[in-house]
Amino acid sequence: MHSDDIPVTVFVKNASGSEIASKLTGYFVLKGQEFRFSAIAFGRIGGHNASVTVSKTTLAKVAKMGFDPDALVMTIQRKIVEGDVTLPEGIKPPSE
């Protein structure tokens, strides 16, 4: 399955850091199931790059669901970089 075909929704629960880098925590929803992740976003949300960390247990569950774990992580990273995430009240992407 191509990474663009993975139907995942990304939610950022918390973001802290500076203008250069932010630590994010949140979860993603895949086929109705929630999984946690953490990330470092360089250039803040909607910035230039993101490094996403997902537990090995979660990646194994994702694989059993029929999704490529590497493609999923890349999709989450792309969504963070592009700002295609749901943010809690009070957290705004830098473009606003």
Protein backbone atom coordinates (compact mmCIF):
# COMPACT_ATOMS: atom_id res chain seq x y z
CA MET A 1 0.00 0.00 0.00
CA HIS A 2 1.40 3.39 -1.04
CA SER A 3 1.80 5.88 1.81
CA ASP A 4 -0.75 8.23 0.20
CA ASP A 5 -3.34 5.45 0.41
CA ILE A 6 -3.10 5.02 4.20
CA PRO A 7 -6.31 6.42 5.75
CA VAL A 8 -4.80 7.87 8.92
CA THR A 9 -5.87 10.91 10.95
CA VAL A 10 -3.24 12.58 13.14
CA PHE A 11 -4.03 14.38 16.41
CA VAL A 12 -1.45 16.47 18.26
CA LYS A 13 -2.24 16.62 21.98
CA ASN A 14 0.73 18.67 23.16
CA ALA A 15 3.46 20.76 21.56
CA SER A 16 6.32 22.40 23.41
CA GLY A 17 9.58 23.93 22.35
CA SER A 18 11.02 26.86 20.50
CA GLU A 19 10.73 28.49 17.08
CA ILE A 20 13.36 26.05 15.79
CA ALA A 21 12.08 22.71 17.12
CA SER A 22 9.05 21.41 18.99
CA LYS A 23 8.39 18.18 20.82
CA LEU A 24 4.99 16.80 19.93
CA THR A 25 2.91 14.10 21.53
CA GLY A 26 -0.31 12.79 20.16
CA TYR A 27 -2.05 9.90 18.56
CA PHE A 28 -3.17 8.71 15.18
CA VAL A 29 -6.34 6.86 14.25
CA LEU A 30 -6.14 3.97 11.81
CA LYS A 31 -9.22 1.86 11.08
CA GLY A 32 -10.93 3.24 14.19
CA GLN A 33 -8.05 2.38 16.52
CA GLU A 34 -5.95 4.98 18.37
CA PHE A 35 -2.17 4.65 18.64
CA ARG A 36 0.23 7.02 20.41
CA PHE A 37 3.27 8.67 18.89
CA SER A 38 5.85 11.30 19.74
CA ALA A 39 7.75 13.52 17.36
CA ILE A 40 10.23 16.30 17.01
CA ALA A 41 9.11 18.90 14.47
CA PHE A 42 11.83 21.13 13.12
CA GLY A 43 10.46 24.50 12.13
CA ARG A 44 7.39 23.80 14.30
CA ILE A 45 4.16 22.27 12.97
CA GLY A 46 3.97 22.94 9.28
CA GLY A 47 7.77 23.32 9.29
CA HIS A 48 10.50 21.74 7.27
CA ASN A 49 10.87 18.27 8.79
CA ALA A 50 9.58 15.93 11.47
CA SER A 51 10.96 12.85 13.16
CA VAL A 52 8.18 10.55 14.38
CA THR A 53 8.60 7.80 16.96
CA VAL A 54 6.07 4.97 17.21
CA SER A 55 6.55 1.99 19.54
CA LYS A 56 7.60 -1.37 18.12
CA THR A 57 4.43 -2.91 19.57
CA THR A 58 2.29 -0.40 17.69
CA LEU A 59 4.23 -0.95 14.46
CA ALA A 60 3.66 -4.71 14.81
CA LYS A 61 -0.10 -4.13 15.27
CA VAL A 62 -0.14 -1.86 12.22
CA ALA A 63 1.59 -4.56 10.16
CA LYS A 64 -0.99 -7.15 11.30
CA MET A 65 -3.69 -4.73 10.12
CA GLY A 66 -2.16 -4.97 6.64
CA PHE A 67 -0.34 -1.63 6.51
CA ASP A 68 3.35 -1.00 5.84
CA PRO A 69 4.71 0.42 9.14
CA ASP A 70 7.42 2.45 7.37
CA ALA A 71 4.89 3.97 4.96
CA LEU A 72 2.63 4.81 7.91
CA VAL A 73 5.41 6.65 9.76
CA MET A 74 6.26 8.55 6.57
CA THR A 75 2.60 9.50 6.16
CA ILE A 76 2.41 10.80 9.76
CA GLN A 77 5.63 12.77 9.24
CA ARG A 78 4.28 14.28 6.01
CA LYS A 79 1.01 15.24 7.71
CA ILE A 80 2.89 16.96 10.55
CA VAL A 81 5.16 18.84 8.12
CA GLU A 82 2.20 19.91 5.98
CA GLY A 83 0.13 20.87 9.04
CA ASP A 84 -2.52 18.26 8.18
CA VAL A 85 -3.20 17.50 11.86
CA THR A 86 -5.91 18.21 14.40
CA LEU A 87 -4.68 20.48 17.19
CA PRO A 88 -6.19 21.09 20.62
CA GLU A 89 -7.50 24.55 21.46
CA GLY A 90 -4.72 27.05 22.05
CA ILE A 91 -2.11 25.44 19.79
CA LYS A 92 -1.84 27.08 16.40
CA PRO A 93 0.40 26.35 13.44
CA PRO A 94 2.94 29.13 12.82
CA SER A 95 1.23 30.07 9.54
CA GLU A 96 -1.74 31.54 11.44
